[in-house]
């Protein structure tokens, strides 16, 4: 095991939700190639922005309408001129590029990961 075990209550503190990408554009001011994603997390959470270093496999145009999984209860983080409001999740592939963590079917934005 790579990390110590945790209690269920600790896991539940991480608020992972499904969101739908409604806009995406290159993040020109980023030090490493990145995109700015505008993600709709449903009526209770709303629209959040995030910087995502996912340019190895994704273009802005291809992301519009896609579902993603994001952590929505981290405090906002200043990344250059952008205030990132959530963390979009993914996995590094064999080449070190990020593949998004996504649901395998249609799930309503705002649905919590259990």
N, C-alpha and C. Protein backbone atom coordinates (compact mmCIF):
# COMPACT_ATOMS: atom_id res chain seq x y z
N UNK A 1 0.86 -1.17 0.00
CA UNK A 1 0.00 0.00 0.00
C UNK A 1 0.90 1.23 0.00
N UNK A 2 0.58 2.22 -0.86
CA UNK A 2 1.44 3.39 -1.00
C UNK A 2 1.14 4.49 0.02
N UNK A 3 -0.02 4.49 0.60
CA UNK A 3 -0.36 5.49 1.62
C UNK A 3 -1.02 4.79 2.79
N UNK A 4 -0.97 5.42 3.97
CA UNK A 4 -1.61 4.79 5.13
C UNK A 4 -3.13 4.70 4.95
N UNK A 5 -3.75 3.73 5.58
CA UNK A 5 -5.21 3.62 5.50
C UNK A 5 -5.87 4.87 6.07
N UNK A 6 -7.08 5.15 5.60
CA UNK A 6 -7.83 6.28 6.14
C UNK A 6 -9.22 5.83 6.52
N UNK A 7 -9.84 6.62 7.33
CA UNK A 7 -11.21 6.34 7.77
C UNK A 7 -12.18 6.82 6.70
N UNK A 8 -13.36 6.19 6.65
CA UNK A 8 -14.39 6.57 5.70
C UNK A 8 -14.72 8.07 5.83
N UNK A 9 -14.78 8.57 7.05
CA UNK A 9 -15.11 9.97 7.26
C UNK A 9 -14.07 10.89 6.62
N UNK A 10 -12.80 10.46 6.59
CA UNK A 10 -11.76 11.26 5.94
C UNK A 10 -12.00 11.31 4.43
N UNK A 11 -12.32 10.17 3.84
CA UNK A 11 -12.61 10.12 2.41
C UNK A 11 -13.81 11.01 2.07
N UNK A 12 -14.83 10.97 2.89
CA UNK A 12 -16.04 11.74 2.61
C UNK A 12 -15.83 13.25 2.72
N UNK A 13 -14.75 13.67 3.34
CA UNK A 13 -14.44 15.11 3.39
C UNK A 13 -14.04 15.64 2.02
N UNK A 14 -13.55 14.75 1.14
CA UNK A 14 -13.18 15.16 -0.22
C UNK A 14 -14.45 15.12 -1.06
N UNK A 15 -14.89 16.29 -1.49
CA UNK A 15 -16.15 16.41 -2.23
C UNK A 15 -15.87 16.30 -3.73
N UNK A 16 -15.96 15.08 -4.24
CA UNK A 16 -15.74 14.79 -5.66
C UNK A 16 -17.09 14.78 -6.38
N UNK A 17 -17.22 15.62 -7.39
CA UNK A 17 -18.48 15.77 -8.11
C UNK A 17 -18.27 15.66 -9.61
N UNK A 18 -19.33 15.24 -10.29
CA UNK A 18 -19.34 15.22 -11.76
C UNK A 18 -19.69 16.62 -12.24
N UNK A 19 -18.97 17.06 -13.26
CA UNK A 19 -19.27 18.34 -13.89
C UNK A 19 -19.20 18.21 -15.39
N UNK A 20 -19.83 19.15 -16.08
CA UNK A 20 -19.80 19.16 -17.55
C UNK A 20 -19.02 20.39 -18.01
N UNK A 21 -18.03 20.17 -18.87
CA UNK A 21 -17.23 21.26 -19.41
C UNK A 21 -18.11 22.08 -20.36
N UNK A 22 -18.25 23.37 -20.06
CA UNK A 22 -19.08 24.24 -20.89
C UNK A 22 -18.23 25.19 -21.73
N UNK A 23 -16.97 25.38 -21.35
CA UNK A 23 -16.05 26.20 -22.13
C UNK A 23 -14.62 25.77 -21.78
N UNK A 24 -13.73 25.95 -22.72
CA UNK A 24 -12.31 25.61 -22.51
C UNK A 24 -11.47 26.46 -23.46
N UNK A 25 -10.35 26.92 -22.95
CA UNK A 25 -9.44 27.69 -23.80
C UNK A 25 -8.01 27.49 -23.31
N UNK A 26 -7.04 27.71 -24.20
CA UNK A 26 -5.64 27.62 -23.77
C UNK A 26 -5.36 28.62 -22.66
N UNK A 27 -4.53 28.21 -21.72
CA UNK A 27 -4.11 29.08 -20.62
C UNK A 27 -2.73 29.64 -20.99
N UNK A 28 -2.73 30.72 -21.73
CA UNK A 28 -1.50 31.28 -22.29
C UNK A 28 -0.50 31.70 -21.21
N UNK A 29 -0.96 32.11 -20.04
CA UNK A 29 -0.07 32.58 -18.99
C UNK A 29 0.53 31.45 -18.13
N UNK A 30 0.12 30.22 -18.38
CA UNK A 30 0.62 29.10 -17.58
C UNK A 30 2.09 28.81 -17.89
N UNK A 31 2.84 28.38 -16.88
CA UNK A 31 4.25 28.03 -17.09
C UNK A 31 4.39 26.76 -17.91
N UNK A 32 3.49 25.81 -17.67
CA UNK A 32 3.45 24.57 -18.45
C UNK A 32 2.17 24.59 -19.26
N UNK A 33 2.17 23.95 -20.44
CA UNK A 33 0.95 23.97 -21.26
C UNK A 33 -0.28 23.49 -20.46
N UNK A 34 -1.32 24.30 -20.50
CA UNK A 34 -2.54 24.01 -19.74
C UNK A 34 -3.75 24.62 -20.44
N UNK A 35 -4.90 24.17 -20.00
CA UNK A 35 -6.17 24.72 -20.47
C UNK A 35 -6.92 25.29 -19.27
N UNK A 36 -7.73 26.31 -19.52
CA UNK A 36 -8.67 26.79 -18.52
C UNK A 36 -10.01 26.14 -18.85
N UNK A 37 -10.53 25.39 -17.89
CA UNK A 37 -11.83 24.74 -18.06
C UNK A 37 -12.88 25.47 -17.24
N UNK A 38 -14.05 25.65 -17.83
CA UNK A 38 -15.22 26.19 -17.14
C UNK A 38 -16.17 25.01 -17.02
N UNK A 39 -16.43 24.59 -15.80
CA UNK A 39 -17.16 23.34 -15.56
C UNK A 39 -18.43 23.63 -14.77
N UNK A 40 -19.55 23.12 -15.29
CA UNK A 40 -20.84 23.25 -14.62
C UNK A 40 -21.02 22.05 -13.70
N UNK A 41 -21.06 22.31 -12.39
CA UNK A 41 -21.26 21.26 -11.39
C UNK A 41 -22.70 21.22 -10.89
N UNK A 42 -23.64 21.69 -11.69
CA UNK A 42 -25.05 21.60 -11.33
C UNK A 42 -25.53 22.77 -10.51
N UNK A 43 -26.85 22.80 -10.21
CA UNK A 43 -27.46 23.98 -9.58
C UNK A 43 -26.96 24.28 -8.17
N UNK A 44 -26.55 23.29 -7.41
CA UNK A 44 -26.12 23.54 -6.03
C UNK A 44 -24.71 24.14 -5.95
N UNK A 45 -23.85 23.79 -6.89
CA UNK A 45 -22.46 24.25 -6.86
C UNK A 45 -22.20 25.30 -7.93
N UNK A 46 -22.76 25.13 -9.09
CA UNK A 46 -22.62 26.10 -10.16
C UNK A 46 -21.37 25.93 -11.00
N UNK A 47 -21.00 27.01 -11.66
CA UNK A 47 -19.88 27.04 -12.59
C UNK A 47 -18.58 27.30 -11.83
N UNK A 48 -17.56 26.49 -12.13
CA UNK A 48 -16.24 26.66 -11.52
C UNK A 48 -15.18 26.64 -12.62
N UNK A 49 -14.08 27.38 -12.39
CA UNK A 49 -12.95 27.40 -13.31
C UNK A 49 -11.80 26.58 -12.74
N UNK A 50 -11.02 26.00 -13.66
CA UNK A 50 -9.86 25.24 -13.23
C UNK A 50 -8.79 25.29 -14.31
N UNK A 51 -7.54 25.32 -13.89
CA UNK A 51 -6.41 25.15 -14.79
C UNK A 51 -6.10 23.66 -14.82
N UNK A 52 -5.98 23.11 -16.02
CA UNK A 52 -5.73 21.66 -16.15
C UNK A 52 -4.61 21.43 -17.16
N UNK A 53 -3.57 20.74 -16.74
CA UNK A 53 -2.45 20.41 -17.62
C UNK A 53 -2.78 19.13 -18.37
N UNK A 54 -3.69 19.25 -19.33
CA UNK A 54 -4.21 18.08 -20.05
C UNK A 54 -4.04 18.22 -21.56
N UNK A 55 -3.11 19.08 -21.99
CA UNK A 55 -2.96 19.35 -23.42
C UNK A 55 -2.36 18.19 -24.20
N UNK A 56 -1.81 17.19 -23.53
CA UNK A 56 -1.24 16.04 -24.22
C UNK A 56 -2.27 15.20 -24.95
N UNK A 57 -3.51 15.19 -24.47
CA UNK A 57 -4.55 14.35 -25.07
C UNK A 57 -5.83 15.10 -25.44
N UNK A 58 -5.95 16.36 -25.03
CA UNK A 58 -7.23 17.06 -25.21
C UNK A 58 -7.04 18.44 -25.82
N UNK A 59 -7.96 18.79 -26.69
CA UNK A 59 -8.03 20.15 -27.23
C UNK A 59 -9.24 20.83 -26.59
N UNK A 60 -9.23 22.16 -26.55
CA UNK A 60 -10.40 22.84 -25.97
C UNK A 60 -11.71 22.44 -26.65
N UNK A 61 -11.70 22.37 -27.96
CA UNK A 61 -12.93 22.04 -28.71
C UNK A 61 -13.46 20.65 -28.36
N UNK A 62 -12.57 19.70 -28.15
CA UNK A 62 -12.97 18.32 -27.88
C UNK A 62 -13.53 18.16 -26.47
N UNK A 63 -13.27 19.11 -25.59
CA UNK A 63 -13.71 18.99 -24.20
C UNK A 63 -15.12 19.52 -23.96
N UNK A 64 -15.61 20.38 -24.83
CA UNK A 64 -16.93 20.99 -24.64
C UNK A 64 -17.99 19.89 -24.58
N UNK A 65 -18.78 19.91 -23.51
CA UNK A 65 -19.84 18.91 -23.33
C UNK A 65 -19.41 17.65 -22.62
N UNK A 66 -18.11 17.46 -22.40
CA UNK A 66 -17.62 16.25 -21.74
C UNK A 66 -17.82 16.31 -20.24
N UNK A 67 -18.06 15.15 -19.65
CA UNK A 67 -18.15 15.04 -18.20
C UNK A 67 -16.75 14.84 -17.62
N UNK A 68 -16.51 15.44 -16.46
CA UNK A 68 -15.26 15.29 -15.74
C UNK A 68 -15.60 15.08 -14.27
N UNK A 69 -14.59 14.71 -13.49
CA UNK A 69 -14.75 14.57 -12.04
C UNK A 69 -13.82 15.58 -11.39
N UNK A 70 -14.37 16.38 -10.48
CA UNK A 70 -13.57 17.41 -9.84
C UNK A 70 -13.78 17.46 -8.34
N UNK A 71 -12.73 17.90 -7.65
CA UNK A 71 -12.83 18.18 -6.21
C UNK A 71 -13.32 19.61 -6.09
N UNK A 72 -14.45 19.80 -5.43
CA UNK A 72 -15.06 21.13 -5.37
C UNK A 72 -14.95 21.80 -4.00
N UNK A 73 -14.31 21.14 -3.03
CA UNK A 73 -14.21 21.77 -1.71
C UNK A 73 -12.77 22.11 -1.29
N UNK A 74 -11.85 22.20 -2.25
CA UNK A 74 -10.55 22.81 -1.96
C UNK A 74 -10.74 24.32 -1.96
N UNK A 75 -9.94 25.04 -1.21
CA UNK A 75 -10.03 26.51 -1.29
C UNK A 75 -9.52 26.96 -2.67
N UNK A 76 -10.03 28.08 -3.17
CA UNK A 76 -9.53 28.61 -4.45
C UNK A 76 -8.02 28.80 -4.40
N UNK A 77 -7.37 28.61 -5.56
CA UNK A 77 -5.91 28.72 -5.63
C UNK A 77 -5.55 29.63 -6.79
N UNK A 78 -4.71 30.62 -6.51
CA UNK A 78 -4.25 31.53 -7.56
C UNK A 78 -3.19 30.83 -8.39
N UNK A 79 -3.43 30.72 -9.69
CA UNK A 79 -2.46 30.15 -10.62
C UNK A 79 -2.21 31.21 -11.69
N UNK A 80 -1.14 31.96 -11.52
CA UNK A 80 -0.91 33.10 -12.40
C UNK A 80 -2.08 34.06 -12.28
N UNK A 81 -2.63 34.48 -13.42
CA UNK A 81 -3.77 35.40 -13.37
C UNK A 81 -5.12 34.73 -13.11
N UNK A 82 -5.13 33.40 -13.03
CA UNK A 82 -6.38 32.65 -12.87
C UNK A 82 -6.60 32.23 -11.43
N UNK A 83 -7.81 32.40 -10.93
CA UNK A 83 -8.19 31.85 -9.63
C UNK A 83 -8.86 30.51 -9.92
N UNK A 84 -8.14 29.43 -9.64
CA UNK A 84 -8.67 28.08 -9.86
C UNK A 84 -9.62 27.74 -8.71
N UNK A 85 -10.82 27.28 -9.06
CA UNK A 85 -11.88 27.07 -8.07
C UNK A 85 -12.21 25.60 -7.82
N UNK A 86 -11.54 24.70 -8.52
CA UNK A 86 -11.74 23.27 -8.32
C UNK A 86 -10.54 22.53 -8.89
N UNK A 87 -10.42 21.26 -8.57
CA UNK A 87 -9.34 20.42 -9.09
C UNK A 87 -9.97 19.34 -9.96
N UNK A 88 -9.65 19.35 -11.24
CA UNK A 88 -10.14 18.32 -12.15
C UNK A 88 -9.21 17.12 -12.04
N UNK A 89 -9.78 15.93 -11.89
CA UNK A 89 -8.98 14.73 -11.61
C UNK A 89 -8.58 14.00 -12.89
N UNK A 90 -7.46 13.31 -12.79
CA UNK A 90 -6.96 12.53 -13.92
C UNK A 90 -5.84 11.61 -13.48
N UNK A 91 -5.31 10.89 -14.46
CA UNK A 91 -4.25 9.91 -14.23
C UNK A 91 -3.13 10.14 -15.23
N UNK A 92 -1.87 10.01 -14.80
CA UNK A 92 -0.76 10.09 -15.73
C UNK A 92 -0.67 8.78 -16.51
N UNK A 93 -0.51 8.87 -17.83
CA UNK A 93 -0.32 7.67 -18.63
C UNK A 93 1.17 7.32 -18.66
N UNK A 94 1.53 6.32 -19.44
CA UNK A 94 2.92 5.85 -19.49
C UNK A 94 3.89 6.94 -19.95
N UNK A 95 3.41 7.91 -20.71
CA UNK A 95 4.26 9.00 -21.20
C UNK A 95 4.24 10.22 -20.28
N UNK A 96 3.47 10.16 -19.20
CA UNK A 96 3.38 11.28 -18.27
C UNK A 96 2.30 12.29 -18.60
N UNK A 97 1.57 12.09 -19.69
CA UNK A 97 0.46 12.98 -20.03
C UNK A 97 -0.77 12.58 -19.20
N UNK A 98 -1.66 13.52 -18.97
CA UNK A 98 -2.82 13.27 -18.12
C UNK A 98 -4.02 12.82 -18.94
N UNK A 99 -4.65 11.75 -18.47
CA UNK A 99 -5.94 11.27 -18.98
C UNK A 99 -6.98 11.60 -17.92
N UNK A 100 -8.08 12.21 -18.33
CA UNK A 100 -9.11 12.60 -17.38
C UNK A 100 -9.78 11.41 -16.71
N UNK A 101 -10.17 11.60 -15.47
CA UNK A 101 -11.00 10.65 -14.75
C UNK A 101 -12.45 11.03 -15.08
N UNK A 102 -13.18 10.14 -15.72
CA UNK A 102 -14.54 10.45 -16.18
C UNK A 102 -15.49 9.32 -15.85
N UNK A 103 -16.78 9.61 -15.68
CA UNK A 103 -17.77 8.54 -15.52
C UNK A 103 -17.91 7.77 -16.83
N UNK A 104 -18.29 6.51 -16.76
CA UNK A 104 -18.42 5.71 -17.98
C UNK A 104 -19.80 5.79 -18.60
N UNK A 105 -20.63 6.69 -18.12
CA UNK A 105 -21.95 6.92 -18.69
C UNK A 105 -22.44 8.30 -18.30
N UNK A 106 -23.67 8.62 -18.73
CA UNK A 106 -24.21 9.94 -18.44
C UNK A 106 -24.62 10.03 -16.98
N UNK A 107 -24.10 11.04 -16.30
CA UNK A 107 -24.39 11.30 -14.89
C UNK A 107 -24.70 12.79 -14.77
N UNK A 108 -25.70 13.14 -13.99
CA UNK A 108 -26.08 14.54 -13.86
C UNK A 108 -24.98 15.36 -13.19
N UNK A 109 -24.67 16.55 -13.74
CA UNK A 109 -23.70 17.42 -13.08
C UNK A 109 -24.10 17.69 -11.63
N UNK A 110 -23.10 17.63 -10.76
CA UNK A 110 -23.31 17.82 -9.32
C UNK A 110 -23.40 16.52 -8.56
N UNK A 111 -23.55 15.39 -9.25
CA UNK A 111 -23.63 14.09 -8.58
C UNK A 111 -22.30 13.82 -7.87
N UNK A 112 -22.39 13.39 -6.62
CA UNK A 112 -21.20 13.14 -5.81
C UNK A 112 -20.67 11.74 -6.03
N UNK A 113 -19.35 11.62 -6.07
CA UNK A 113 -18.70 10.32 -6.15
C UNK A 113 -18.78 9.65 -4.79
N UNK A 114 -19.15 8.39 -4.77
CA UNK A 114 -19.25 7.63 -3.51
C UNK A 114 -18.24 6.51 -3.50
